[in-house]
Amino acid sequence: MARRSRKQSLPPGCTWNRHGLIAWRYTDPQTGKRPVRSTGTKDPAIAGRIVAAWQEELERKRAGLPDYSAWQSDLLPLAEQWLEVLAQRLSPRWLQQRRSQIHRALEQLELRTTGDLLDIGKLNQRIQRLKLSDVSTRRLYQDPLRQFAKWLAEDSRLLEYDPLANWRPIQYERVRVPRRAFRPDEVAMALWGERALAQLRDRPRDLSLLWRVLLVTGPRILSLCERDVRHYRPRQRRIDFGKGPKNKRRGAGALDDTTASEIEESIEGRGRNEPLLLTVTGKRLSPDRVLDDWRGAFGMGVLAELVPGTELATLYAAFRRLIAPIHHGRNRPPPLPKDSLALEIVEDFGEDWSRRMLGIDVHCFKRTHRTWARARDVASEAIDVQLGHASGDAETLSIIRSIRGTGARHYTDMDAFDPRATAIAVRAVLDRAEQDLAEAEAQDDAGVA
């Protein structure tokens, strides 16, 4: 084996160490000592590039600038610090969701240190191996990682710059179905569907009161889920939804006498700090489950309307098959037998049922409330106060009061500001629709007899 030439050109400040590798001797600016650092290579060209990076890092350290050690930090402890910051402005439910997302992203994409965030190309390759849809990849992996990386570089907290700033967002087609108002007969059928599902599933209670409160008050669903018994005001006949965040008003929560009596009956014997409205199992409401429950009740009512006179068990079997994709595969039903009546219903009426279910969510209650109240000639100011819309704020109402005080005849009475007027009007429409449904059922029963 040929001996290594000691005259071979080496980078400045480098020598050969006893292991036959190129080493670099430098002066530590803090201690003044002259340690030796091995490049781990015998190639002078490679060693030169390594030493150049070390020299740049040393100069940054001498100047008091951040060095490259920040890119060697573990991501998992930093993620926990980020979550602690998010806990100050996120509810526990959303915080838990973000925690599971960032932990899953770090684990499945094999991200260990901050330096792993620099290789966007490798990051894209690992994401592609997951074989997920574009929308799932964007929401579950890319968005949480981009927000986390932005926080790391915010105010030069840890990193000098955002390593994922140039990561092109994954594009996906957004299908936006406009929300619509419900017809009175649709809500009446949905309440029938709620009672039918409670009977079929042997539930101790149904959610009919929840749907009535949502319709009469038109609140934001999260604020309603957070209400306790102490937030109900029996003397004022209203639910105190509190002060909304920033410019998001939460509405007056006014109730008609019938709905208020139903609430008082349901909370009898319940503690002040217990939930105002309960799930079918007696627990606090969850916005996600409320959405699924409403789609279930509404879908059951729509199917009963499309296939009137069908036996309840057959209707339920067809309903379970139709609702499964909307509930994201939860409690997927067994396959229907061939030549069964339930399968015929799915094949014959499935397309019409799916079309009727488009745009159905709990936020439609606000639009439904406004539509019904306007149909009963309730003043728009009262509707805005009840729903918490912008034109119902105190400043706007004070201007209207000052104008109405001038004696202009085309303005309505001052009582138009009372939000109970819109609650009473909406509940009257619902009661009439339920009464019409009950009369129709009675006529059908009489015809069968």
Foldseek 3Di string as FASTA:
>chain_A
DDDDDQPPDAPPQWHQDPVRFIKHWDAQLPPRDTDIGTPPHNDRVSSNVVVVLVVVQRVCVNVVHDGPVLQFAFVPVLVVVVLVVVPVPDDPVVSVVLVVLVVVQCVQQVPTGNNVLQCLVSSVVSLVVVVDDLVCCQPRHVVSVQVSLCVCCVVDVRHVDRSCPPPDRRDDDDDDFDAAADDLLLLLLLLVLQVLVCVVVVFPDTCSLVLLLCQLQVFDPVLLLQFFQLQQDLVQQAGDSDQDPDLFGGFTRHADPVSSVVQCVVCVPPDRGARSDAHSVRHGDDQVVQFLSSLSSSLLSVLCVVPPPDDSVLSVVLSLQLCCVVVVNPPRDDDDDPPDPSVVSCVPCVVVSVVVSGNDGSSSSLVNLVVQLVVVVQDPLLSCRSNVHDCVDPVNVVVVVVVVVVPDPVDDDPCSNHNNSSSVRSVVSNVVSNVVVVVVVVVVVVVVD
